[in-house]
Protein backbone atom coordinates (compact mmCIF):
# COMPACT_ATOMS: atom_id res chain seq x y z
CA LEU A 1 -2.35 4.82 -2.71
CA ASN A 2 -1.95 8.55 -3.23
CA ASN A 3 -4.86 9.28 -0.88
CA THR A 4 -3.24 7.11 1.76
CA ILE A 5 0.10 8.89 1.32
CA ASP A 6 -1.66 12.23 1.81
CA LYS A 7 -3.53 11.00 4.90
CA VAL A 8 -0.39 9.56 6.47
CA SER A 9 1.66 12.69 5.73
CA THR A 10 -1.00 14.98 7.17
CA SER A 11 -1.45 12.80 10.24
CA LEU A 12 2.29 12.64 10.91
CA ASP A 13 2.65 16.39 10.43
CA ASN A 14 -0.03 16.87 13.09
CA TYR A 15 1.48 14.22 15.41
CA LEU A 16 -1.58 11.99 15.03
CA PHE A 17 0.34 8.73 14.96
CA ASN A 18 -2.69 6.54 15.59
CA GLU A 19 -4.51 8.00 12.57
CA ALA A 20 -1.42 7.57 10.39
CA SER A 21 -0.98 3.94 11.38
CA PHE A 22 -4.69 3.23 10.95
CA SER A 23 -4.61 4.75 7.45
CA ILE A 24 -1.77 2.45 6.46
CA TYR A 25 -3.48 -0.55 8.03
CA ASP A 26 -6.77 0.26 6.32
CA PHE A 27 -5.14 0.64 2.91
CA VAL A 28 -3.02 -2.49 3.14
CA TRP A 29 -5.68 -4.86 4.43
CA HIS A 30 -8.88 -3.49 2.93
CA LEU A 31 -7.72 -2.21 -0.43
CA PHE A 32 -4.38 -3.74 -1.36
CA CYS A 33 -4.79 -7.27 0.04
CA ASP A 34 -8.56 -7.68 -0.19
CA TRP A 35 -9.00 -6.14 -3.61
CA TYR A 36 -5.93 -5.57 -5.68
CA ILE A 37 -4.03 -8.75 -4.93
CA GLU A 38 -7.17 -10.87 -5.31
CA LEU A 39 -8.13 -9.21 -8.58
CA SER A 40 -4.60 -9.39 -9.94
CA LYS A 41 -4.29 -13.16 -9.51
CA SER A 42 -6.07 -13.84 -12.79
CA ASP A 43 -3.86 -11.34 -14.62
CA LEU A 44 -0.72 -12.89 -13.15
CA ALA A 45 -1.67 -16.14 -14.84
CA LYS A 46 -1.62 -14.40 -18.22
CA GLU A 47 1.86 -14.17 -19.63
CA GLU A 48 1.30 -10.87 -21.45
CA ARG A 49 -0.01 -9.10 -18.30
CA TYR A 50 2.36 -10.63 -15.75
CA ASN A 51 5.11 -7.97 -15.88
CA ILE A 52 2.71 -5.03 -15.67
CA VAL A 53 0.75 -6.45 -12.74
CA MET A 54 3.88 -7.55 -10.88
CA ASN A 55 5.48 -4.12 -11.31
CA VAL A 56 2.41 -2.45 -9.82
CA LEU A 57 2.34 -4.90 -6.91
CA LEU A 58 6.01 -4.29 -6.17
CA TYR A 59 5.65 -0.52 -6.48
CA VAL A 60 2.78 -0.45 -4.00
CA LEU A 61 4.66 -2.72 -1.60
CA ARG A 62 7.73 -0.46 -1.73
CA VAL A 63 5.63 2.62 -1.02
CA VAL A 64 3.84 0.88 1.85
CA LEU A 65 7.18 -0.09 3.38
CA ARG A 66 8.29 3.54 3.18
CA LEU A 67 5.07 4.65 4.84
CA LEU A 68 5.64 2.15 7.63
CA HIS A 69 9.15 3.41 8.32
CA PRO A 70 8.24 5.75 11.23
CA PHE A 71 6.50 2.86 12.97
CA THR A 72 8.80 -0.03 12.04
CA PRO A 73 12.16 1.51 11.18
CA TYR A 74 14.17 -1.69 10.91
């Protein structure tokens, strides 16, 4: 996530909007959805891990929504 934030910030600073949007897309679909969500499903079934995993999922989703703001403001 931090690497994606850096890539998006650098791309937006240099007015490379296509690279910024592709970085967000790549992170969300290829890392967050394909890997983290799929791997976290088994931990969500465990009562003792549920809160930790859900907090991480929500944190990443909040950050992704902030990163998307220049492209989808409302």
